[in-house]
Amino acid sequence: MAVAVVRLRADRAPVYVTVAAGNQPPALSTLHQLAQAVAAAIEAQRSYDQEHRIALTLQRSLLPRRVPRIAGLDLAVRYEPASVDTEVGGDFYELTMLGDTLLVAIGDVTGHSLHAATVMAEVRHAIRAYAVDGHPPGAIVDRVNTLMRTLLPDELATICVIQLDPATGAARMASAGHLPPLLVTGAGTRYLEHLAPLLGVAARRPPDLEFTLPQDATLVLYTDGLIERRDADIDDGLRALASSAAQVDADLDHFCHRLLTELATPHIRDDIAVVTVRRR
């Protein structure tokens, strides 16, 4: 029996490769090359796992730590990271009261890596900062877009920003290439379309969409991991979401969980964020 021992890094355990000698033992050079290849493959997997854990920790630390309690509103969120063997993406959401107005935002930075997670953090903090300054959704999107084109010229992202008055239900929305929120009322479901280019693109943007969230109505915001499938048209995913969300559970946490159970694949290939807002 021939044994080769390789240690690529001093802080890692060595890798042992054992080969039965048989009638003709392997050449030492061949055995050494085999051990080097095995050790390199193991080290690559270790590095990938470490980066995945760092990115996931970063994502979770930068997302809101709690859902605010707001008179007249029920709020619930779900965030599901991609499967362990899939790179972390840049999905994020925001729920913050600013004075008498609720800021709701959701977005997705293109790419899947630790870098995407760091870009997500910059975009989310920029949205919060411009909202605190008192800007309406369209102005927030414009300013975040300028920031990305100036400081992150090679990045793209989608976002949807909504400012909602809990007392009246009056809302303003601006989107940048994000999937349309779903409005569920007693009369049925409809998507709130606001077609606009992605963040990172120099193009004119439409005025804010103004609408009212009626009493007992629910607003569902989500990222593409919930409905997009490689083997299906996105319109099929939108129809499936509208069908699943047509009946809103009394418990919004259960409602979010049910949407994930019914729509997400068992092996999640992309991060999923779901935000629901119901006006009582």
C-alpha atoms as a PDB file:
ATOM      1  CA  MET A   1       0.000   0.000   0.000  1.00  0.00           C
ATOM      2  CA  ALA A   2       1.292   3.460  -0.966  1.00  0.00           C
ATOM      3  CA  VAL A   3       0.338   6.598   0.966  1.00  0.00           C
ATOM      4  CA  ALA A   4       0.811  10.238  -0.005  1.00  0.00           C
ATOM      5  CA  VAL A   5       0.298  13.142   2.406  1.00  0.00           C
ATOM      6  CA  VAL A   6      -0.355  16.690   1.168  1.00  0.00           C
ATOM      7  CA  ARG A   7      -0.951  19.857   3.187  1.00  0.00           C
ATOM      8  CA  LEU A   8      -1.701  22.923   1.070  1.00  0.00           C
ATOM      9  CA  ARG A   9      -2.172  25.293   4.016  1.00  0.00           C
ATOM     10  CA  ALA A  10      -0.601  25.234   7.453  1.00  0.00           C
ATOM     11  CA  ASP A  11      -3.982  25.919   9.102  1.00  0.00           C
ATOM     12  CA  ARG A  12      -5.692  22.980   7.387  1.00  0.00           C
ATOM     13  CA  ALA A  13      -5.621  19.297   8.192  1.00  0.00           C
ATOM     14  CA  PRO A  14      -3.451  17.276   5.780  1.00  0.00           C
ATOM     15  CA  VAL A  15      -4.994  15.167   3.029  1.00  0.00           C
ATOM     16  CA  TYR A  16      -4.079  11.472   2.870  1.00  0.00           C
ATOM     17  CA  VAL A  17      -4.335   9.505  -0.380  1.00  0.00           C
ATOM     18  CA  THR A  18      -3.940   5.742  -0.113  1.00  0.00           C
ATOM     19  CA  VAL A  19      -3.518   3.435  -3.105  1.00  0.00           C
ATOM     20  CA  ALA A  20      -3.394  -0.340  -2.950  1.00  0.00           C
ATOM     21  CA  ALA A  21      -0.021  -1.366  -4.294  1.00  0.00           C
ATOM     22  CA  GLY A  22      -1.102  -4.568  -6.051  1.00  0.00           C
ATOM     23  CA  ASN A  23       1.516  -6.292  -8.179  1.00  0.00           C
ATOM     24  CA  GLN A  24       2.806  -3.032  -9.598  1.00  0.00           C
ATOM     25  CA  PRO A  25       2.967  -0.072  -7.161  1.00  0.00           C
ATOM     26  CA  PRO A  26       2.232   3.363  -8.666  1.00  0.00           C
ATOM     27  CA  ALA A  27       5.115   5.642  -9.495  1.00  0.00           C
ATOM     28  CA  LEU A  28       5.833   8.129  -6.730  1.00  0.00           C
ATOM     29  CA  SER A  29       5.417  11.052  -9.104  1.00  0.00           C
ATOM     30  CA  THR A  30       1.977   9.820 -10.208  1.00  0.00           C
ATOM     31  CA  LEU A  31       0.866   9.271  -6.632  1.00  0.00           C
ATOM     32  CA  HIS A  32       2.097  12.720  -5.663  1.00  0.00           C
ATOM     33  CA  GLN A  33       0.200  14.353  -8.562  1.00  0.00           C
ATOM     34  CA  LEU A  34      -2.957  12.480  -7.593  1.00  0.00           C
ATOM     35  CA  ALA A  35      -2.649  13.608  -3.975  1.00  0.00           C
ATOM     36  CA  GLN A  36      -2.064  17.211  -5.066  1.00  0.00           C
ATOM     37  CA  ALA A  37      -5.181  17.122  -7.274  1.00  0.00           C
ATOM     38  CA  VAL A  38      -7.343  15.672  -4.498  1.00  0.00           C
ATOM     39  CA  ALA A  39      -6.062  18.217  -1.981  1.00  0.00           C
ATOM     40  CA  ALA A  40      -6.699  21.104  -4.403  1.00  0.00           C
ATOM     41  CA  ALA A  41     -10.275  19.937  -4.997  1.00  0.00           C
ATOM     42  CA  ILE A  42     -10.933  19.639  -1.266  1.00  0.00           C
ATOM     43  CA  GLU A  43      -9.447  23.097  -0.615  1.00  0.00           C
ATOM     44  CA  ALA A  44     -11.620  24.633  -3.352  1.00  0.00           C
ATOM     45  CA  GLN A  45     -14.732  23.151  -1.733  1.00  0.00           C
ATOM     46  CA  ARG A  46     -13.639  24.388   1.687  1.00  0.00           C
ATOM     47  CA  SER A  47     -13.151  27.911   0.322  1.00  0.00           C
ATOM     48  CA  TYR A  48     -16.535  27.837  -1.398  1.00  0.00           C
ATOM     49  CA  ASP A  49     -18.284  26.690   1.787  1.00  0.00           C
ATOM     50  CA  GLN A  50     -16.540  29.413   3.793  1.00  0.00           C
ATOM     51  CA  GLU A  51     -17.547  32.154   1.327  1.00  0.00           C
ATOM     52  CA  HIS A  52     -21.122  30.849   1.293  1.00  0.00           C
ATOM     53  CA  ARG A  53     -21.300  31.025   5.094  1.00  0.00           C
ATOM     54  CA  ILE A  54     -19.818  34.539   5.126  1.00  0.00           C
ATOM     55  CA  ALA A  55     -22.257  35.787   2.477  1.00  0.00           C
ATOM     56  CA  LEU A  56     -25.236  34.222   4.236  1.00  0.00           C
ATOM     57  CA  THR A  57     -24.181  35.730   7.562  1.00  0.00           C
ATOM     58  CA  LEU A  58     -23.736  39.112   5.897  1.00  0.00           C
ATOM     59  CA  GLN A  59     -27.180  38.917   4.304  1.00  0.00           C
ATOM     60  CA  ARG A  60     -28.930  38.013   7.517  1.00  0.00           C
ATOM     61  CA  SER A  61     -27.102  40.684   9.516  1.00  0.00           C
ATOM     62  CA  LEU A  62     -28.123  43.403   7.044  1.00  0.00           C
ATOM     63  CA  LEU A  63     -31.798  42.483   6.735  1.00  0.00           C
ATOM     64  CA  PRO A  64     -34.293  43.972   9.216  1.00  0.00           C
ATOM     65  CA  ARG A  65     -34.019  42.183  12.541  1.00  0.00           C
ATOM     66  CA  ARG A  66     -37.700  42.520  13.367  1.00  0.00           C
ATOM     67  CA  VAL A  67     -40.977  43.392  11.726  1.00  0.00           C
ATOM     68  CA  PRO A  68     -42.389  46.674  13.112  1.00  0.00           C
ATOM     69  CA  ARG A  69     -45.735  46.729  14.907  1.00  0.00           C
ATOM     70  CA  ILE A  70     -48.000  49.307  13.277  1.00  0.00           C
ATOM     71  CA  ALA A  71     -51.547  50.173  14.281  1.00  0.00           C
ATOM     72  CA  GLY A  72     -53.965  49.243  11.525  1.00  0.00           C
ATOM     73  CA  LEU A  73     -51.547  46.982   9.636  1.00  0.00           C
ATOM     74  CA  ASP A  74     -50.538  43.332   9.703  1.00  0.00           C
ATOM     75  CA  LEU A  75     -47.019  42.631   8.411  1.00  0.00           C
ATOM     76  CA  ALA A  76     -45.198  39.396   7.716  1.00  0.00           C
ATOM     77  CA  VAL A  77     -42.034  38.453   5.838  1.00  0.00           C
ATOM     78  CA  ARG A  78     -40.223  35.338   4.736  1.00  0.00           C
ATOM     79  CA  TYR A  79     -36.627  35.130   3.612  1.00  0.00           C
ATOM     80  CA  GLU A  80     -35.274  31.805   2.362  1.00  0.00           C
ATOM     81  CA  PRO A  81     -31.636  31.611   1.226  1.00  0.00           C
ATOM     82  CA  ALA A  82     -30.623  29.450  -1.697  1.00  0.00           C
ATOM     83  CA  SER A  83     -29.689  25.839  -1.060  1.00  0.00           C
ATOM     84  CA  VAL A  84     -26.337  25.074   0.560  1.00  0.00           C
ATOM     85  CA  ASP A  85     -24.695  24.136  -2.757  1.00  0.00           C
ATOM     86  CA  THR A  86     -25.861  27.343  -4.481  1.00  0.00           C
ATOM     87  CA  GLU A  87     -24.130  30.714  -4.301  1.00  0.00           C
ATOM     88  CA  VAL A  88     -25.834  33.363  -2.188  1.00  0.00           C
ATOM     89  CA  GLY A  89     -27.670  36.100  -4.070  1.00  0.00           C
ATOM     90  CA  GLY A  90     -28.501  39.720  -3.382  1.00  0.00           C
ATOM     91  CA  ASP A  91     -32.184  39.659  -2.378  1.00  0.00           C
ATOM     92  CA  PHE A  92     -33.282  42.141   0.296  1.00  0.00           C
ATOM     93  CA  TYR A  93     -36.339  43.796   1.783  1.00  0.00           C
ATOM     94  CA  GLU A  94     -37.160  46.758   4.020  1.00  0.00           C
ATOM     95  CA  LEU A  95     -40.023  47.585   6.403  1.00  0.00           C
ATOM     96  CA  THR A  96     -39.571  50.833   8.348  1.00  0.00           C
ATOM     97  CA  MET A  97     -41.877  53.487   9.767  1.00  0.00           C
ATOM     98  CA  LEU A  98     -40.724  57.008   8.928  1.00  0.00           C
ATOM     99  CA  GLY A  99     -42.981  59.406  10.778  1.00  0.00           C
ATOM    100  CA  ASP A 100     -46.541  58.488   9.804  1.00  0.00           C
ATOM    101  CA  THR A 101     -45.505  56.614   6.650  1.00  0.00           C
ATOM    102  CA  LEU A 102     -44.466  53.003   6.185  1.00  0.00           C
ATOM    103  CA  LEU A 103     -41.518  52.429   3.859  1.00  0.00           C
ATOM    104  CA  VAL A 104     -41.760  49.081   2.075  1.00  0.00           C
ATOM    105  CA  ALA A 105     -38.994  48.043  -0.289  1.00  0.00           C
ATOM    106  CA  ILE A 106     -37.819  44.855  -1.916  1.00  0.00           C
ATOM    107  CA  GLY A 107     -35.045  44.226  -4.407  1.00  0.00           C
ATOM    108  CA  ASP A 108     -32.549  41.906  -5.989  1.00  0.00           C
ATOM    109  CA  VAL A 109     -28.954  42.579  -7.035  1.00  0.00           C
ATOM    110  CA  THR A 110     -27.888  40.594 -10.080  1.00  0.00           C
ATOM    111  CA  GLY A 111     -25.369  37.843  -9.522  1.00  0.00           C
ATOM    112  CA  HIS A 112     -24.765  35.240  -6.848  1.00  0.00           C
ATOM    113  CA  SER A 113     -21.681  35.716  -4.701  1.00  0.00           C
ATOM    114  CA  LEU A 114     -20.307  37.434  -1.643  1.00  0.00           C
ATOM    115  CA  HIS A 115     -19.893  40.497  -3.851  1.00  0.00           C
ATOM    116  CA  ALA A 116     -23.624  40.506  -4.691  1.00  0.00           C
ATOM    117  CA  ALA A 117     -24.415  40.457  -0.985  1.00  0.00           C
ATOM    118  CA  THR A 118     -22.170  43.469  -0.350  1.00  0.00           C
ATOM    119  CA  VAL A 119     -23.759  45.424  -3.230  1.00  0.00           C
ATOM    120  CA  MET A 120     -27.165  44.531  -1.770  1.00  0.00           C
ATOM    121  CA  ALA A 121     -26.107  46.133   1.517  1.00  0.00           C
ATOM    122  CA  GLU A 122     -25.097  49.378  -0.226  1.00  0.00           C
ATOM    123  CA  VAL A 123     -28.358  49.576  -2.177  1.00  0.00           C
ATOM    124  CA  ARG A 124     -30.534  48.877   0.872  1.00  0.00           C
ATOM    125  CA  HIS A 125     -28.777  51.489   3.007  1.00  0.00           C
ATOM    126  CA  ALA A 126     -29.041  54.036   0.186  1.00  0.00           C
ATOM    127  CA  ILE A 127     -32.807  53.476  -0.040  1.00  0.00           C
ATOM    128  CA  ARG A 128     -33.161  54.010   3.693  1.00  0.00           C
ATOM    129  CA  ALA A 129     -31.003  57.140   3.667  1.00  0.00           C
ATOM    130  CA  TYR A 130     -32.893  58.813   0.813  1.00  0.00           C
ATOM    131  CA  ALA A 131     -36.231  57.858   2.395  1.00  0.00           C
ATOM    132  CA  VAL A 132     -35.183  59.436   5.706  1.00  0.00           C
ATOM    133  CA  ASP A 133     -34.378  62.620   3.772  1.00  0.00           C
ATOM    134  CA  GLY A 134     -38.065  62.762   2.826  1.00  0.00           C
ATOM    135  CA  HIS A 135     -37.864  61.842  -0.855  1.00  0.00           C
ATOM    136  CA  PRO A 136     -40.844  60.106  -2.543  1.00  0.00           C
ATOM    137  CA  PRO A 137     -40.338  56.661  -4.137  1.00  0.00           C
ATOM    138  CA  GLY A 138     -39.472  57.922  -7.632  1.00  0.00           C
ATOM    139  CA  ALA A 139     -36.844  60.301  -6.299  1.00  0.00           C
ATOM    140  CA  ILE A 140     -35.403  57.519  -4.120  1.00  0.00           C
ATOM    141  CA  VAL A 141     -35.075  55.251  -7.163  1.00  0.00           C
ATOM    142  CA  ASP A 142     -33.483  58.029  -9.225  1.00  0.00           C
ATOM    143  CA  ARG A 143     -30.911  58.781  -6.544  1.00  0.00           C
ATOM    144  CA  VAL A 144     -30.066  55.119  -5.947  1.00  0.00           C
ATOM    145  CA  ASN A 145     -29.689  54.700  -9.699  1.00  0.00           C
ATOM    146  CA  THR A 146     -27.292  57.662  -9.875  1.00  0.00           C
ATOM    147  CA  LEU A 147     -25.317  56.215  -6.974  1.00  0.00           C
ATOM    148  CA  MET A 148     -25.021  52.817  -8.662  1.00  0.00           C
ATOM    149  CA  ARG A 149     -24.006  54.263 -12.023  1.00  0.00           C
ATOM    150  CA  THR A 150     -21.368  56.409 -10.305  1.00  0.00           C
ATOM    151  CA  LEU A 151     -19.916  54.057  -7.711  1.00  0.00           C
ATOM    152  CA  LEU A 152     -20.991  50.621  -8.994  1.00  0.00           C
ATOM    153  CA  PRO A 153     -21.000  51.061 -12.784  1.00  0.00           C
ATOM    154  CA  ASP A 154     -20.832  47.339 -13.556  1.00  0.00           C
ATOM    155  CA  GLU A 155     -23.762  46.341 -11.343  1.00  0.00           C
ATOM    156  CA  LEU A 156     -27.485  45.953 -12.013  1.00  0.00           C
ATOM    157  CA  ALA A 157     -30.363  45.560  -9.583  1.00  0.00           C
ATOM    158  CA  THR A 158     -34.144  45.621  -9.388  1.00  0.00           C
ATOM    159  CA  ILE A 159     -36.121  47.337  -6.644  1.00  0.00           C
ATOM    160  CA  CYS A 160     -39.676  48.253  -5.768  1.00  0.00           C
ATOM    161  CA  VAL A 161     -40.242  51.082  -3.273  1.00  0.00           C
ATOM    162  CA  ILE A 162     -43.626  51.887  -1.704  1.00  0.00           C
ATOM    163  CA  GLN A 163     -44.612  54.549   0.803  1.00  0.00           C
ATOM    164  CA  LEU A 164     -47.907  53.774   2.551  1.00  0.00           C
ATOM    165  CA  ASP A 165     -50.091  55.797   4.912  1.00  0.00           C
ATOM    166  CA  PRO A 166     -51.522  53.183   7.316  1.00  0.00           C
ATOM    167  CA  ALA A 167     -54.432  55.447   8.315  1.00  0.00           C
ATOM    168  CA  THR A 168     -55.808  56.118   4.830  1.00  0.00           C
ATOM    169  CA  GLY A 169     -54.249  53.384   2.711  1.00  0.00           C
ATOM    170  CA  ALA A 170     -52.874  55.989   0.293  1.00  0.00           C
ATOM    171  CA  ALA A 171     -49.720  54.657  -1.369  1.00  0.00           C
ATOM    172  CA  ARG A 172     -47.055  55.726  -3.867  1.00  0.00           C
ATOM    173  CA  MET A 173     -44.863  53.234  -5.674  1.00  0.00           C
ATOM    174  CA  ALA A 174     -41.799  53.326  -7.914  1.00  0.00           C
ATOM    175  CA  SER A 175     -40.189  50.290  -9.473  1.00  0.00           C
ATOM    176  CA  ALA A 176     -36.939  49.643 -11.292  1.00  0.00           C
ATOM    177  CA  GLY A 177     -37.358  46.463 -13.277  1.00  0.00           C
ATOM    178  CA  HIS A 178     -38.784  44.539 -10.349  1.00  0.00           C
ATOM    179  CA  LEU A 179     -41.652  42.061 -10.573  1.00  0.00           C
ATOM    180  CA  PRO A 180     -45.022  43.748  -9.926  1.00  0.00           C
ATOM    181  CA  PRO A 181     -46.545  43.573  -6.428  1.00  0.00           C
ATOM    182  CA  LEU A 182     -49.782  41.613  -6.136  1.00  0.00           C
ATOM    183  CA  LEU A 183     -52.821  43.361  -4.645  1.00  0.00           C
ATOM    184  CA  VAL A 184     -55.382  40.991  -3.124  1.00  0.00           C
ATOM    185  CA  THR A 185     -58.833  42.415  -2.327  1.00  0.00           C
ATOM    186  CA  GLY A 186     -62.324  41.041  -1.856  1.00  0.00           C
ATOM    187  CA  ALA A 187     -62.868  41.599  -5.585  1.00  0.00           C
ATOM    188  CA  GLY A 188     -59.913  39.437  -6.609  1.00  0.00           C
ATOM    189  CA  THR A 189     -56.226  39.853  -7.422  1.00  0.00           C
ATOM    190  CA  ARG A 190     -54.343  42.217  -9.706  1.00  0.00           C
ATOM    191  CA  TYR A 191     -50.740  43.100 -10.316  1.00  0.00           C
ATOM    192  CA  LEU A 192     -49.587  46.698  -9.876  1.00  0.00           C
ATOM    193  CA  GLU A 193     -47.577  47.233 -13.045  1.00  0.00           C
ATOM    194  CA  HIS A 194     -44.969  49.986 -13.080  1.00  0.00           C
ATOM    195  CA  LEU A 195     -42.657  49.348 -16.004  1.00  0.00           C
ATOM    196  CA  ALA A 196     -39.260  50.993 -15.602  1.00  0.00           C
ATOM    197  CA  PRO A 197     -35.618  50.120 -16.372  1.00  0.00           C
ATOM    198  CA  LEU A 198     -33.332  48.368 -13.909  1.00  0.00           C
ATOM    199  CA  LEU A 199     -31.036  50.205 -11.555  1.00  0.00           C
ATOM    200  CA  GLY A 200     -27.738  50.852 -13.265  1.00  0.00           C
ATOM    201  CA  VAL A 201     -29.352  51.848 -16.581  1.00  0.00           C
ATOM    202  CA  ALA A 202     -29.430  55.425 -17.853  1.00  0.00           C
ATOM    203  CA  ALA A 203     -33.016  55.850 -19.062  1.00  0.00           C
ATOM    204  CA  ARG A 204     -36.106  57.928 -18.357  1.00  0.00           C
ATOM    205  CA  ARG A 205     -38.401  56.650 -15.642  1.00  0.00           C
ATOM    206  CA  PRO A 206     -42.185  56.992 -15.364  1.00  0.00           C
ATOM    207  CA  PRO A 207     -43.945  58.990 -12.626  1.00  0.00           C
ATOM    208  CA  ASP A 208     -44.813  57.259  -9.358  1.00  0.00           C
ATOM    209  CA  LEU A 209     -47.829  54.963  -9.402  1.00  0.00           C
ATOM    210  CA  GLU A 210     -50.423  56.113  -6.878  1.00  0.00           C
ATOM    211  CA  PHE A 211     -53.000  53.681  -5.509  1.00  0.00           C
ATOM    212  CA  THR A 212     -55.015  52.912  -2.387  1.00  0.00           C
ATOM    213  CA  LEU A 213     -54.664  49.834  -0.223  1.00  0.00           C
ATOM    214  CA  PRO A 214     -58.300  49.192   0.797  1.00  0.00           C
ATOM    215  CA  GLN A 215     -59.285  47.893   4.202  1.00  0.00           C
ATOM    216  CA  ASP A 216     -58.859  44.115   4.495  1.00  0.00           C
ATOM    217  CA  ALA A 217     -56.701  44.129   1.354  1.00  0.00           C
ATOM    218  CA  THR A 218     -53.244  42.544   1.237  1.00  0.00           C
ATOM    219  CA  LEU A 219     -50.169  43.580  -0.713  1.00  0.00           C
ATOM    220  CA  VAL A 220     -47.643  40.873  -1.658  1.00  0.00           C
ATOM    221  CA  LEU A 221     -44.097  41.788  -2.700  1.00  0.00           C
ATOM    222  CA  TYR A 222     -41.613  39.070  -3.680  1.00  0.00           C
ATOM    223  CA  THR A 223     -38.372  38.328  -5.506  1.00  0.00           C
ATOM    224  CA  ASP A 224     -38.035  36.216  -8.622  1.00  0.00           C
ATOM    225  CA  GLY A 225     -36.895  33.083  -6.792  1.00  0.00           C
ATOM    226  CA  LEU A 226     -40.521  32.526  -5.734  1.00  0.00           C
ATOM    227  CA  ILE A 227     -41.979  32.248  -9.240  1.00  0.00           C
ATOM    228  CA  GLU A 228     -39.244  31.887 -11.876  1.00  0.00           C
ATOM    229  CA  ARG A 229     -38.397  28.432 -13.231  1.00  0.00           C
ATOM    230  CA  ARG A 230     -35.909  27.562 -15.954  1.00  0.00           C
ATOM    231  CA  ASP A 231     -38.398  25.242 -17.645  1.00  0.00           C
ATOM    232  CA  ALA A 232     -41.454  27.533 -17.470  1.00  0.00           C
ATOM    233  CA  ASP A 233     -42.554  30.936 -18.714  1.00  0.00           C
ATOM    234  CA  ILE A 234     -42.566  33.696 -16.089  1.00  0.00           C
ATOM    235  CA  ASP A 235     -46.244  34.379 -16.873  1.00  0.00           C
ATOM    236  CA  ASP A 236     -46.999  30.858 -15.618  1.00  0.00           C
ATOM    237  CA  GLY A 237     -45.296  31.743 -12.348  1.00  0.00           C
ATOM    238  CA  LEU A 238     -47.269  34.974 -12.027  1.00  0.00           C
ATOM    239  CA  ARG A 239     -50.531  33.118 -12.613  1.00  0.00           C
ATOM    240  CA  ALA A 240     -49.567  30.504 -10.030  1.00  0.00           C
ATOM    241  CA  LEU A 241     -48.826  33.214  -7.453  1.00  0.00           C
ATOM    242  CA  ALA A 242     -52.131  34.981  -8.116  1.00  0.00           C
ATOM    243  CA  SER A 243     -53.965  31.686  -7.698  1.00  0.00           C
ATOM    244  CA  SER A 244     -52.191  30.737  -4.454  1.00  0.00           C
ATOM    245  CA  ALA A 245     -52.626  34.220  -2.964  1.00  0.00           C
ATOM    246  CA  ALA A 246     -56.293  34.620  -3.902  1.00  0.00           C
ATOM    247  CA  GLN A 247     -57.280  33.442  -0.412  1.00  0.00           C
ATOM    248  CA  VAL A 248     -55.263  35.177   2.293  1.00  0.00           C
ATOM    249  CA  ASP A 249     -54.892  33.273   5.567  1.00  0.00           C
ATOM    250  CA  ALA A 250     -55.968  35.003   8.774  1.00  0.00           C
ATOM    251  CA  ASP A 251     -52.375  34.587  10.010  1.00  0.00           C
ATOM    252  CA  LEU A 252     -50.050  36.381   7.578  1.00  0.00           C
ATOM    253  CA  ASP A 253     -47.048  34.360   8.767  1.00  0.00           C
ATOM    254  CA  HIS A 254     -48.910  31.212   7.789  1.00  0.00           C
ATOM    255  CA  PHE A 255     -49.869  32.865   4.498  1.00  0.00           C
ATOM    256  CA  CYS A 256     -46.205  33.538   3.642  1.00  0.00           C
ATOM    257  CA  HIS A 257     -45.255  30.010   4.617  1.00  0.00           C
ATOM    258  CA  ARG A 258     -48.006  28.588   2.418  1.00  0.00           C
ATOM    259  CA  LEU A 259     -46.870  30.616  -0.588  1.00  0.00           C
ATOM    260  CA  LEU A 260     -43.362  29.224  -0.217  1.00  0.00           C
ATOM    261  CA  THR A 261     -44.662  25.695   0.235  1.00  0.00           C
ATOM    262  CA  GLU A 262     -46.917  25.860  -2.815  1.00  0.00           C
ATOM    263  CA  LEU A 263     -44.669  27.824  -5.178  1.00  0.00           C
ATOM    264  CA  ALA A 264     -41.012  27.294  -4.281  1.00  0.00           C
ATOM    265  CA  THR A 265     -39.173  24.221  -5.496  1.00  0.00           C
ATOM    266  CA  PRO A 266     -37.919  21.782  -2.831  1.00  0.00           C
ATOM    267  CA  HIS A 267     -34.335  22.538  -3.878  1.00  0.00           C
ATOM    268  CA  ILE A 268     -34.181  26.343  -3.839  1.00  0.00           C
ATOM    269  CA  ARG A 269     -31.853  27.585  -6.578  1.00  0.00           C
ATOM    270  CA  ASP A 270     -32.219  31.286  -5.769  1.00  0.00           C
ATOM    271  CA  ASP A 271     -32.871  33.383  -2.686  1.00  0.00           C
ATOM    272  CA  ILE A 272     -36.533  34.142  -1.977  1.00  0.00           C
ATOM    273  CA  ALA A 273     -37.920  37.165  -0.163  1.00  0.00           C
ATOM    274  CA  VAL A 274     -41.641  37.662   0.434  1.00  0.00           C
ATOM    275  CA  VAL A 275     -43.175  40.727   2.138  1.00  0.00           C
ATOM    276  CA  THR A 276     -46.898  40.983   2.906  1.00  0.00           C
ATOM    277  CA  VAL A 277     -48.836  43.993   4.166  1.00  0.00           C
ATOM    278  CA  ARG A 278     -52.528  43.830   5.141  1.00  0.00           C
ATOM    279  CA  ARG A 279     -54.595  46.871   6.124  1.00  0.00           C
ATOM    280  CA  ARG A 280     -57.083  46.073   8.836  1.00  0.00           C
END
